[in-house]
PDB file of N, CA and C in Angstrom:
ATOM      1  N   MET A   1     166.381 109.615  84.168  1.00  0.00           N
ATOM      2  CA  MET A   1     165.571 110.574  83.831  1.00  0.00           C
ATOM      3  C   MET A   1     164.326 110.397  83.692  1.00  0.00           C
ATOM      4  N   ALA A   2     163.250 110.792  84.226  1.00  0.00           N
ATOM      5  CA  ALA A   2     161.978 110.966  84.025  1.00  0.00           C
ATOM      6  C   ALA A   2     161.337 111.266  82.647  1.00  0.00           C
ATOM      7  N   PHE A   3     160.300 110.656  82.098  1.00  0.00           N
ATOM      8  CA  PHE A   3     159.818 110.943  80.526  1.00  0.00           C
ATOM      9  C   PHE A   3     158.261 111.336  80.687  1.00  0.00           C
ATOM     10  N   PHE A   4     157.915 111.794  79.950  1.00  0.00           N
ATOM     11  CA  PHE A   4     156.471 112.050  79.721  1.00  0.00           C
ATOM     12  C   PHE A   4     156.061 112.016  78.314  1.00  0.00           C
ATOM     13  N   THR A   5     155.326 111.699  77.765  1.00  0.00           N
ATOM     14  CA  THR A   5     154.766 112.018  76.457  1.00  0.00           C
ATOM     15  C   THR A   5     153.321 112.310  76.142  1.00  0.00           C
ATOM     16  N   VAL A   6     152.807 112.692  75.526  1.00  0.00           N
ATOM     17  CA  VAL A   6     151.239 113.088  75.513  1.00  0.00           C
ATOM     18  C   VAL A   6     150.887 113.158  74.006  1.00  0.00           C
ATOM     19  N   SER A   7     149.442 112.812  73.285  1.00  0.00           N
ATOM     20  CA  SER A   7     149.147 112.569  72.195  1.00  0.00           C
ATOM     21  C   SER A   7     147.704 112.613  72.232  1.00  0.00           C
ATOM     22  N   SER A   8     147.178 113.055  70.978  1.00  0.00           N
ATOM     23  CA  SER A   8     145.664 113.026  70.940  1.00  0.00           C
ATOM     24  C   SER A   8     145.036 112.291  69.496  1.00  0.00           C
ATOM     25  N   SER A   9     144.207 112.468  69.466  1.00  0.00           N
ATOM     26  CA  SER A   9     143.819 111.505  67.901  1.00  0.00           C
ATOM     27  C   SER A   9     142.286 111.551  68.435  1.00  0.00           C
ATOM     28  N   MET A  10     141.328 111.373  67.097  1.00  0.00           N
ATOM     29  CA  MET A  10     139.821 111.579  67.452  1.00  0.00           C
ATOM     30  C   MET A  10     139.359 110.140  67.061  1.00  0.00           C
ATOM     31  N   LEU A  11     138.560 109.774  67.894  1.00  0.00           N
ATOM     32  CA  LEU A  11     138.137 108.681  67.639  1.00  0.00           C
ATOM     33  C   LEU A  11     136.355 108.687  67.397  1.00  0.00           C
ATOM     34  N   GLY A  12     136.162 108.721  66.404  1.00  0.00           N
ATOM     35  CA  GLY A  12     134.766 109.225  66.012  1.00  0.00           C
ATOM     36  C   GLY A  12     134.588 110.564  66.154  1.00  0.00           C
ATOM     37  N   THR A  13     133.458 111.187  67.234  1.00  0.00           N
ATOM     38  CA  THR A  13     133.492 112.052  67.855  1.00  0.00           C
ATOM     39  C   THR A  13     134.342 112.962  68.754  1.00  0.00           C
ATOM     40  N   ALA A  14     134.601 111.335  69.354  1.00  0.00           N
ATOM     41  CA  ALA A  14     135.739 111.939  70.734  1.00  0.00           C
ATOM     42  C   ALA A  14     137.344 112.009  70.515  1.00  0.00           C
ATOM     43  N   LEU A  15     137.454 113.227  71.367  1.00  0.00           N
ATOM     44  CA  LEU A  15     139.179 113.196  71.214  1.00  0.00           C
ATOM     45  C   LEU A  15     139.712 112.911  72.357  1.00  0.00           C
ATOM     46  N   VAL A  16     140.742 111.761  72.063  1.00  0.00           N
ATOM     47  CA  VAL A  16     141.423 111.063  73.192  1.00  0.00           C
ATOM     48  C   VAL A  16     142.703 111.805  73.134  1.00  0.00           C
ATOM     49  N   VAL A  17     142.924 111.783  74.791  1.00  0.00           N
ATOM     50  CA  VAL A  17     144.613 112.455  74.678  1.00  0.00           C
ATOM     51  C   VAL A  17     145.115 111.670  75.966  1.00  0.00           C
ATOM     52  N   GLN A  18     146.098 111.317  75.067  1.00  0.00           N
ATOM     53  CA  GLN A  18     146.449 109.870  75.858  1.00  0.00           C
ATOM     54  C   GLN A  18     148.009 110.012  76.507  1.00  0.00           C
ATOM     55  N   ALA A  19     148.268 110.472  78.021  1.00  0.00           N
ATOM     56  CA  ALA A  19     149.347 110.647  78.725  1.00  0.00           C
ATOM     57  C   ALA A  19     150.172 109.842  78.964  1.00  0.00           C
ATOM     58  N   ASN A  20     151.475 109.395  78.721  1.00  0.00           N
ATOM     59  CA  ASN A  20     152.445 108.369  79.563  1.00  0.00           C
ATOM     60  C   ASN A  20     153.522 108.822  80.229  1.00  0.00           C
ATOM     61  N   GLY A  21     154.128 108.200  81.420  1.00  0.00           N
ATOM     62  CA  GLY A  21     154.856 108.570  82.111  1.00  0.00           C
ATOM     63  C   GLY A  21     154.434 109.593  83.394  1.00  0.00           C
ATOM     64  N   GLU A  22     155.558 110.501  84.107  1.00  0.00           N
ATOM     65  CA  GLU A  22     155.007 111.455  84.645  1.00  0.00           C
ATOM     66  C   GLU A  22     154.682 112.734  84.352  1.00  0.00           C
ATOM     67  N   LEU A  23     153.243 113.173  85.018  1.00  0.00           N
ATOM     68  CA  LEU A  23     152.996 114.106  84.907  1.00  0.00           C
ATOM     69  C   LEU A  23     153.240 115.149  85.845  1.00  0.00           C
ATOM     70  N   ASP A  24     153.890 115.950  85.804  1.00  0.00           N
ATOM     71  CA  ASP A  24     154.747 116.315  86.908  1.00  0.00           C
ATOM     72  C   ASP A  24     154.918 118.075  86.639  1.00  0.00           C
ATOM     73  N   TYR A  25     155.652 118.709  87.720  1.00  0.00           N
ATOM     74  CA  TYR A  25     155.985 120.103  87.361  1.00  0.00           C
ATOM     75  C   TYR A  25     156.829 120.134  86.361  1.00  0.00           C
ATOM     76  N   ARG A  26     157.504 119.237  85.654  1.00  0.00           N
ATOM     77  CA  ARG A  26     158.303 119.578  84.481  1.00  0.00           C
ATOM     78  C   ARG A  26     157.427 119.308  83.184  1.00  0.00           C
ATOM     79  N   HIS A  27     156.831 118.448  83.384  1.00  0.00           N
ATOM     80  CA  HIS A  27     155.701 117.937  81.797  1.00  0.00           C
ATOM     81  C   HIS A  27     154.705 118.320  82.166  1.00  0.00           C
ATOM     82  N   ALA A  28     154.304 119.425  83.106  1.00  0.00           N
ATOM     83  CA  ALA A  28     152.906 119.794  82.927  1.00  0.00           C
ATOM     84  C   ALA A  28     152.430 120.387  81.435  1.00  0.00           C
ATOM     85  N   PRO A  29     153.690 121.360  81.280  1.00  0.00           N
ATOM     86  CA  PRO A  29     153.387 122.908  79.977  1.00  0.00           C
ATOM     87  C   PRO A  29     152.989 121.750  79.077  1.00  0.00           C
ATOM     88  N   VAL A  30     153.644 120.472  78.565  1.00  0.00           N
ATOM     89  CA  VAL A  30     153.626 119.949  77.759  1.00  0.00           C
ATOM     90  C   VAL A  30     152.100 119.223  77.720  1.00  0.00           C
ATOM     91  N   PHE A  31     151.571 118.982  78.921  1.00  0.00           N
ATOM     92  CA  PHE A  31     150.261 118.393  79.073  1.00  0.00           C
ATOM     93  C   PHE A  31     149.385 119.635  78.289  1.00  0.00           C
ATOM     94  N   ARG A  32     150.167 120.883  78.788  1.00  0.00           N
ATOM     95  CA  ARG A  32     148.635 121.788  78.750  1.00  0.00           C
ATOM     96  C   ARG A  32     148.538 122.358  77.399  1.00  0.00           C
ATOM     97  N   SER A  33     149.886 122.400  76.817  1.00  0.00           N
ATOM     98  CA  SER A  33     149.909 122.626  75.164  1.00  0.00           C
ATOM     99  C   SER A  33     149.326 121.718  74.534  1.00  0.00           C
ATOM    100  N   GLU A  34     148.971 120.518  75.093  1.00  0.00           N
ATOM    101  CA  GLU A  34     148.272 119.837  73.867  1.00  0.00           C
ATOM    102  C   GLU A  34     146.955 119.742  74.411  1.00  0.00           C
ATOM    103  N   LEU A  35     146.267 119.879  75.567  1.00  0.00           N
ATOM    104  CA  LEU A  35     145.079 120.178  75.784  1.00  0.00           C
ATOM    105  C   LEU A  35     144.388 121.508  74.735  1.00  0.00           C
ATOM    106  N   THR A  36     145.355 122.016  75.007  1.00  0.00           N
ATOM    107  CA  THR A  36     145.395 123.742  74.691  1.00  0.00           C
ATOM    108  C   THR A  36     144.927 123.502  72.954  1.00  0.00           C
ATOM    109  N   LYS A  37     145.968 122.849  72.253  1.00  0.00           N
ATOM    110  CA  LYS A  37     145.645 122.825  70.718  1.00  0.00           C
ATOM    111  C   LYS A  37     144.203 121.962  70.421  1.00  0.00           C
ATOM    112  N   ALA A  38     143.942 121.070  71.606  1.00  0.00           N
ATOM    113  CA  ALA A  38     142.743 120.355  71.429  1.00  0.00           C
ATOM    114  C   ALA A  38     141.852 121.404  71.457  1.00  0.00           C
ATOM    115  N   TRP A  39     141.543 122.062  72.263  1.00  0.00           N
ATOM    116  CA  TRP A  39     140.490 123.313  72.118  1.00  0.00           C
ATOM    117  C   TRP A  39     140.719 124.175  70.903  1.00  0.00           C
ATOM    118  N   GLU A  40     141.539 124.508  70.684  1.00  0.00           N
ATOM    119  CA  GLU A  40     141.815 125.404  69.956  1.00  0.00           C
ATOM    120  C   GLU A  40     141.232 124.988  68.354  1.00  0.00           C
ATOM    121  N   ALA A  41     141.279 123.518  68.391  1.00  0.00           N
ATOM    122  CA  ALA A  41     140.995 122.822  66.758  1.00  0.00           C
ATOM    123  C   ALA A  41     139.588 122.766  67.034  1.00  0.00           C
ATOM    124  N   GLY A  42     138.643 123.079  67.569  1.00  0.00           N
ATOM    125  CA  GLY A  42     137.277 122.554  67.747  1.00  0.00           C
ATOM    126  C   GLY A  42     137.288 121.914  69.035  1.00  0.00           C
ATOM    127  N   THR A  43     135.592 122.009  69.265  1.00  0.00           N
ATOM    128  CA  THR A  43     135.255 121.877  70.719  1.00  0.00           C
ATOM    129  C   THR A  43     134.384 120.166  70.710  1.00  0.00           C
ATOM    130  N   PRO A  44     135.048 118.792  70.892  1.00  0.00           N
ATOM    131  CA  PRO A  44     134.582 117.663  70.324  1.00  0.00           C
ATOM    132  C   PRO A  44     133.626 117.695  71.619  1.00  0.00           C
ATOM    133  N   PRO A  45     132.782 116.948  71.359  1.00  0.00           N
ATOM    134  CA  PRO A  45     131.417 116.733  72.480  1.00  0.00           C
ATOM    135  C   PRO A  45     132.463 115.863  73.490  1.00  0.00           C
ATOM    136  N   LEU A  46     132.973 114.823  72.968  1.00  0.00           N
ATOM    137  CA  LEU A  46     133.852 114.456  74.449  1.00  0.00           C
ATOM    138  C   LEU A  46     135.224 114.187  74.534  1.00  0.00           C
ATOM    139  N   VAL A  47     136.038 114.581  75.382  1.00  0.00           N
ATOM    140  CA  VAL A  47     137.549 114.367  75.572  1.00  0.00           C
ATOM    141  C   VAL A  47     137.519 113.272  76.501  1.00  0.00           C
ATOM    142  N   VAL A  48     138.306 112.611  76.309  1.00  0.00           N
ATOM    143  CA  VAL A  48     138.643 111.460  77.011  1.00  0.00           C
ATOM    144  C   VAL A  48     140.202 111.458  76.954  1.00  0.00           C
ATOM    145  N   ILE A  49     140.520 111.905  78.843  1.00  0.00           N
ATOM    146  CA  ILE A  49     142.111 111.636  78.776  1.00  0.00           C
ATOM    147  C   ILE A  49     142.634 110.668  79.532  1.00  0.00           C
ATOM    148  N   ASP A  50     143.318 109.587  78.505  1.00  0.00           N
ATOM    149  CA  ASP A  50     143.769 108.408  78.943  1.00  0.00           C
ATOM    150  C   ASP A  50     145.032 108.339  79.621  1.00  0.00           C
ATOM    151  N   LEU A  51     144.892 107.979  81.409  1.00  0.00           N
ATOM    152  CA  LEU A  51     146.093 108.140  81.851  1.00  0.00           C
ATOM    153  C   LEU A  51     146.411 106.630  82.090  1.00  0.00           C
ATOM    154  N   THR A  52     146.127 105.687  81.560  1.00  0.00           N
ATOM    155  CA  THR A  52     146.507 104.289  81.639  1.00  0.00           C
ATOM    156  C   THR A  52     148.022 103.865  81.614  1.00  0.00           C
ATOM    157  N   GLY A  53     148.832 104.843  81.047  1.00  0.00           N
ATOM    158  CA  GLY A  53     150.239 105.118  80.788  1.00  0.00           C
ATOM    159  C   GLY A  53     150.969 105.844  81.807  1.00  0.00           C
ATOM    160  N   LEU A  54     150.061 106.442  82.514  1.00  0.00           N
ATOM    161  CA  LEU A  54     150.801 107.397  83.466  1.00  0.00           C
ATOM    162  C   LEU A  54     151.351 106.418  84.983  1.00  0.00           C
ATOM    163  N   THR A  55     152.998 107.031  85.016  1.00  0.00           N
ATOM    164  CA  THR A  55     153.363 106.556  86.093  1.00  0.00           C
ATOM    165  C   THR A  55     153.422 107.461  87.582  1.00  0.00           C
ATOM    166  N   PHE A  56     153.197 108.814  87.404  1.00  0.00           N
ATOM    167  CA  PHE A  56     153.147 109.769  88.380  1.00  0.00           C
ATOM    168  C   PHE A  56     152.690 110.569  88.323  1.00  0.00           C
ATOM    169  N   CYS A  57     151.939 111.689  89.338  1.00  0.00           N
ATOM    170  CA  CYS A  57     151.009 112.763  89.067  1.00  0.00           C
ATOM    171  C   CYS A  57     151.199 113.292  90.275  1.00  0.00           C
ATOM    172  N   ASP A  58     151.971 114.710  90.400  1.00  0.00           N
ATOM    173  CA  ASP A  58     152.095 115.591  91.068  1.00  0.00           C
ATOM    174  C   ASP A  58     150.921 116.772  91.412  1.00  0.00           C
ATOM    175  N   SER A  59     151.106 117.301  92.535  1.00  0.00           N
ATOM    176  CA  SER A  59     150.092 118.476  92.518  1.00  0.00           C
ATOM    177  C   SER A  59     149.972 119.188  91.321  1.00  0.00           C
ATOM    178  N   THR A  60     150.887 119.620  90.590  1.00  0.00           N
ATOM    179  CA  THR A  60     150.882 120.611  89.412  1.00  0.00           C
ATOM    180  C   THR A  60     150.375 119.242  88.124  1.00  0.00           C
ATOM    181  N   GLY A  61     150.654 118.500  88.345  1.00  0.00           N
ATOM    182  CA  GLY A  61     149.778 117.686  87.324  1.00  0.00           C
ATOM    183  C   GLY A  61     148.274 117.464  87.615  1.00  0.00           C
ATOM    184  N   MET A  62     147.523 117.378  88.569  1.00  0.00           N
ATOM    185  CA  MET A  62     146.676 117.201  89.093  1.00  0.00           C
ATOM    186  C   MET A  62     145.741 118.532  88.972  1.00  0.00           C
ATOM    187  N   ALA A  63     146.912 119.671  89.226  1.00  0.00           N
ATOM    188  CA  ALA A  63     145.636 121.109  88.802  1.00  0.00           C
ATOM    189  C   ALA A  63     145.696 121.045  87.349  1.00  0.00           C
ATOM    190  N   GLU A  64     146.734 120.432  86.276  1.00  0.00           N
ATOM    191  CA  GLU A  64     146.160 120.705  84.977  1.00  0.00           C
ATOM    192  C   GLU A  64     144.971 119.803  84.815  1.00  0.00           C
ATOM    193  N   LEU A  65     145.186 118.605  85.286  1.00  0.00           N
ATOM    194  CA  LEU A  65     143.712 117.858  84.935  1.00  0.00           C
ATOM    195  C   LEU A  65     142.213 118.338  85.470  1.00  0.00           C
ATOM    196  N   ILE A  66     142.290 119.237  86.439  1.00  0.00           N
ATOM    197  CA  ILE A  66     141.031 120.327  87.280  1.00  0.00           C
ATOM    198  C   ILE A  66     141.007 121.462  86.173  1.00  0.00           C
ATOM    199  N   LEU A  67     141.966 122.246  85.432  1.00  0.00           N
ATOM    200  CA  LEU A  67     141.553 123.186  84.595  1.00  0.00           C
ATOM    201  C   LEU A  67     141.429 122.974  83.597  1.00  0.00           C
ATOM    202  N   GLY A  68     141.393 121.415  82.891  1.00  0.00           N
ATOM    203  CA  GLY A  68     141.245 120.923  81.649  1.00  0.00           C
ATOM    204  C   GLY A  68     139.771 120.742  82.146  1.00  0.00           C
ATOM    205  N   LEU A  69     139.262 120.208  83.440  1.00  0.00           N
ATOM    206  CA  LEU A  69     138.035 120.071  83.414  1.00  0.00           C
ATOM    207  C   LEU A  69     136.725 121.096  83.450  1.00  0.00           C
ATOM    208  N   GLN A  70     137.482 122.213  84.307  1.00  0.00           N
ATOM    209  CA  GLN A  70     137.073 123.641  83.988  1.00  0.00           C
ATOM    210  C   GLN A  70     136.873 124.287  82.726  1.00  0.00           C
ATOM    211  N   ARG A  71     137.891 124.094  82.008  1.00  0.00           N
ATOM    212  CA  ARG A  71     137.579 124.630  80.273  1.00  0.00           C
ATOM    213  C   ARG A  71     136.464 123.404  79.727  1.00  0.00           C
ATOM    214  N   SER A  72     136.825 122.533  79.875  1.00  0.00           N
ATOM    215  CA  SER A  72     135.280 121.761  79.006  1.00  0.00           C
ATOM    216  C   SER A  72     134.148 122.100  79.714  1.00  0.00           C
ATOM    217  N   HIS A  73     134.160 122.382  81.069  1.00  0.00           N
ATOM    218  CA  HIS A  73     132.572 122.961  81.555  1.00  0.00           C
ATOM    219  C   HIS A  73     132.541 123.981  81.064  1.00  0.00           C
ATOM    220  N   ALA A  74     133.649 125.176  81.030  1.00  0.00           N
ATOM    221  CA  ALA A  74     133.042 126.325  80.020  1.00  0.00           C
ATOM    222  C   ALA A  74     132.835 126.315  78.566  1.00  0.00           C
ATOM    223  N   LEU A  75     132.956 125.507  77.997  1.00  0.00           N
ATOM    224  CA  LEU A  75     133.296 124.864  76.469  1.00  0.00           C
ATOM    225  C   LEU A  75     132.035 124.337  76.151  1.00  0.00           C
ATOM    226  N   GLY A  76     131.656 123.820  77.086  1.00  0.00           N
ATOM    227  CA  GLY A  76     130.225 122.691  76.855  1.00  0.00           C
ATOM    228  C   GLY A  76     130.888 121.406  76.449  1.00  0.00           C
ATOM    229  N   THR A  77     131.733 120.751  76.651  1.00  0.00           N
ATOM    230  CA  THR A  77     132.176 119.618  76.195  1.00  0.00           C
ATOM    231  C   THR A  77     132.665 118.639  78.352  1.00  0.00           C
ATOM    232  N   ARG A  78     131.993 117.652  77.510  1.00  0.00           N
ATOM    233  CA  ARG A  78     132.510 116.297  78.587  1.00  0.00           C
ATOM    234  C   ARG A  78     133.589 115.908  78.451  1.00  0.00           C
ATOM    235  N   LEU A  79     134.153 116.188  79.219  1.00  0.00           N
ATOM    236  CA  LEU A  79     135.739 115.632  79.845  1.00  0.00           C
ATOM    237  C   LEU A  79     135.803 114.449  80.466  1.00  0.00           C
ATOM    238  N   VAL A  80     136.243 113.382  80.482  1.00  0.00           N
ATOM    239  CA  VAL A  80     136.317 112.331  81.294  1.00  0.00           C
ATOM    240  C   VAL A  80     137.486 111.481  81.395  1.00  0.00           C
ATOM    241  N   LEU A  81     138.147 110.916  82.175  1.00  0.00           N
ATOM    242  CA  LEU A  81     139.379 110.251  82.988  1.00  0.00           C
ATOM    243  C   LEU A  81     139.338 108.499  82.231  1.00  0.00           C
ATOM    244  N   ALA A  82     140.121 107.971  82.129  1.00  0.00           N
ATOM    245  CA  ALA A  82     140.048 106.430  81.563  1.00  0.00           C
ATOM    246  C   ALA A  82     141.329 106.036  82.192  1.00  0.00           C
ATOM    247  N   GLY A  83     141.523 104.904  82.419  1.00  0.00           N
ATOM    248  CA  GLY A  83     142.330 104.007  83.147  1.00  0.00           C
ATOM    249  C   GLY A  83     143.243 104.922  84.329  1.00  0.00           C
ATOM    250  N   VAL A  84     142.491 105.435  85.210  1.00  0.00           N
ATOM    251  CA  VAL A  84     143.087 105.935  86.523  1.00  0.00           C
ATOM    252  C   VAL A  84     143.268 104.847  87.510  1.00  0.00           C
ATOM    253  N   HIS A  85     144.603 104.992  87.795  1.00  0.00           N
ATOM    254  CA  HIS A  85     145.209 104.025  88.675  1.00  0.00           C
ATOM    255  C   HIS A  85     146.481 104.408  89.330  1.00  0.00           C
ATOM    256  N   GLY A  86     147.249 103.801  90.508  1.00  0.00           N
ATOM    257  CA  GLY A  86     148.118 104.504  91.631  1.00  0.00           C
ATOM    258  C   GLY A  86     147.850 105.215  92.324  1.00  0.00           C
ATOM    259  N   THR A  87     148.791 106.042  92.172  1.00  0.00           N
ATOM    260  CA  THR A  87     149.123 107.448  92.866  1.00  0.00           C
ATOM    261  C   THR A  87     147.780 108.607  92.490  1.00  0.00           C
ATOM    262  N   LEU A  88     147.773 108.516  91.418  1.00  0.00           N
ATOM    263  CA  LEU A  88     146.543 109.334  90.462  1.00  0.00           C
ATOM    264  C   LEU A  88     145.306 109.000  91.763  1.00  0.00           C
ATOM    265  N   GLU A  89     144.945 107.649  91.533  1.00  0.00           N
ATOM    266  CA  GLU A  89     143.759 107.251  92.105  1.00  0.00           C
ATOM    267  C   GLU A  89     143.538 108.072  93.469  1.00  0.00           C
ATOM    268  N   ARG A  90     144.805 107.480  93.910  1.00  0.00           N
ATOM    269  CA  ARG A  90     144.948 108.030  95.787  1.00  0.00           C
ATOM    270  C   ARG A  90     144.546 109.400  95.832  1.00  0.00           C
ATOM    271  N   ILE A  91     145.179 110.107  94.624  1.00  0.00           N
ATOM    272  CA  ILE A  91     145.241 111.510  95.144  1.00  0.00           C
ATOM    273  C   ILE A  91     143.526 111.784  95.191  1.00  0.00           C
ATOM    274  N   LEU A  92     142.864 111.650  94.110  1.00  0.00           N
ATOM    275  CA  LEU A  92     141.488 111.773  93.656  1.00  0.00           C
ATOM    276  C   LEU A  92     141.278 111.343  94.949  1.00  0.00           C
ATOM    277  N   ALA A  93     141.201 110.315  95.552  1.00  0.00           N
ATOM    278  CA  ALA A  93     140.012 109.950  96.686  1.00  0.00           C
ATOM    279  C   ALA A  93     140.337 110.860  97.986  1.00  0.00           C
ATOM    280  N   ILE A  94     141.408 110.560  98.083  1.00  0.00           N
ATOM    281  CA  ILE A  94     141.968 111.664  99.129  1.00  0.00           C
ATOM    282  C   ILE A  94     141.730 113.052  99.407  1.00  0.00           C
ATOM    283  N   THR A  95     141.482 113.626  98.320  1.00  0.00           N
ATOM    284  CA  THR A  95     141.273 115.007  98.251  1.00  0.00           C
ATOM    285  C   THR A  95     139.825 115.136  97.738  1.00  0.00           C
ATOM    286  N   GLY A  96     139.367 113.853  97.906  1.00  0.00           N
ATOM    287  CA  GLY A  96     137.394 114.565  97.729  1.00  0.00           C
ATOM    288  C   GLY A  96     137.557 114.694  96.196  1.00  0.00           C
ATOM    289  N   LEU A  97     138.358 114.852  95.177  1.00  0.00           N
ATOM    290  CA  LEU A  97     138.060 114.915  93.772  1.00  0.00           C
ATOM    291  C   LEU A  97     137.830 114.086  93.100  1.00  0.00           C
ATOM    292  N   ARG A  98     137.656 112.783  93.315  1.00  0.00           N
ATOM    293  CA  ARG A  98     137.211 112.085  92.638  1.00  0.00           C
ATOM    294  C   ARG A  98     135.683 111.978  91.920  1.00  0.00           C
ATOM    295  N   SER A  99     134.631 112.621  92.855  1.00  0.00           N
ATOM    296  CA  SER A  99     133.436 112.594  92.458  1.00  0.00           C
ATOM    297  C   SER A  99     133.282 114.265  91.363  1.00  0.00           C
ATOM    298  N   SER A 100     134.753 114.851  91.013  1.00  0.00           N
ATOM    299  CA  SER A 100     134.354 115.837  90.295  1.00  0.00           C
ATOM    300  C   SER A 100     134.536 115.129  88.995  1.00  0.00           C
ATOM    301  N   PHE A 101     135.435 114.282  88.647  1.00  0.00           N
ATOM    302  CA  PHE A 101     135.524 113.541  87.573  1.00  0.00           C
ATOM    303  C   PHE A 101     134.578 112.672  87.552  1.00  0.00           C
ATOM    304  N   GLU A 102     134.252 112.007  85.839  1.00  0.00           N
ATOM    305  CA  GLU A 102     134.063 111.056  85.549  1.00  0.00           C
ATOM    306  C   GLU A 102     134.794 110.015  85.154  1.00  0.00           C
ATOM    307  N   VAL A 103     135.009 109.091  85.721  1.00  0.00           N
ATOM    308  CA  VAL A 103     136.029 108.176  85.750  1.00  0.00           C
ATOM    309  C   VAL A 103     135.670 106.615  85.092  1.00  0.00           C
ATOM    310  N   PHE A 104     136.474 106.375  84.321  1.00  0.00           N
ATOM    311  CA  PHE A 104     136.227 104.699  83.610  1.00  0.00           C
ATOM    312  C   PHE A 104     137.394 103.943  83.780  1.00  0.00           C
ATOM    313  N   PRO A 105     137.336 102.484  83.880  1.00  0.00           N
ATOM    314  CA  PRO A 105     138.424 102.059  83.640  1.00  0.00           C
ATOM    315  C   PRO A 105     139.035 102.000  82.115  1.00  0.00           C
ATOM    316  N   SER A 106     138.534 102.082  80.872  1.00  0.00           N
ATOM    317  CA  SER A 106     139.315 101.944  79.986  1.00  0.00           C
ATOM    318  C   SER A 106     138.611 103.154  78.912  1.00  0.00           C
ATOM    319  N   VAL A 107     139.697 103.213  77.694  1.00  0.00           N
ATOM    320  CA  VAL A 107     139.104 104.006  77.290  1.00  0.00           C
ATOM    321  C   VAL A 107     137.618 103.634  76.244  1.00  0.00           C
ATOM    322  N   GLU A 108     137.572 102.489  76.018  1.00  0.00           N
ATOM    323  CA  GLU A 108     136.526 101.877  75.425  1.00  0.00           C
ATOM    324  C   GLU A 108     135.464 101.809  76.480  1.00  0.00           C
ATOM    325  N   GLU A 109     135.590 102.110  77.290  1.00  0.00           N
ATOM    326  CA  GLU A 109     134.450 102.290  78.325  1.00  0.00           C
ATOM    327  C   GLU A 109     133.839 103.549  78.286  1.00  0.00           C
ATOM    328  N   ALA A 110     134.769 104.560  78.154  1.00  0.00           N
ATOM    329  CA  ALA A 110     134.385 105.706  77.989  1.00  0.00           C
ATOM    330  C   ALA A 110     133.904 106.444  76.949  1.00  0.00           C
ATOM    331  N   LEU A 111     134.389 105.838  75.881  1.00  0.00           N
ATOM    332  CA  LEU A 111     133.552 105.933  74.501  1.00  0.00           C
ATOM    333  C   LEU A 111     132.097 105.540  74.264  1.00  0.00           C
ATOM    334  N   ARG A 112     131.980 103.870  75.239  1.00  0.00           N
ATOM    335  CA  ARG A 112     130.695 103.707  74.895  1.00  0.00           C
ATOM    336  C   ARG A 112     129.242 104.534  75.638  1.00  0.00           C
ATOM    337  N   SER A 113     130.091 105.511  76.744  1.00  0.00           N
ATOM    338  CA  SER A 113     129.195 106.422  77.570  1.00  0.00           C
ATOM    339  C   SER A 113     129.003 107.558  76.955  1.00  0.00           C
ATOM    340  N   ALA A 114     129.668 107.785  75.769  1.00  0.00           N
ATOM    341  CA  ALA A 114     129.301 108.991  75.180  1.00  0.00           C
ATOM    342  C   ALA A 114     127.805 108.698  74.427  1.00  0.00           C
TER     343      ALA A 114
END
């Protein structure tokens, strides 16, 4: 059975959303719910989505990341991805979406870019 967890916490003025496991059609609503809670709690200047623990991402998961990016633009928040690897890294490259996202190797490096 596939698993997925998502949590968020404030680090300084940045919100870090940590996703672990499989971000797919079954788990996308959980991810969306976590991001929605973050947007409703206030608009931090920086949102870092930590994908280091992601083991899989399908097109539905990718759509959630794109929706998050669109929402952040609409709210004037900078959204960046950290720890992109594996399938997601290939999807971003193949689809040409890599240039749409700011990507950092780690959360620490993303926070330093703020």
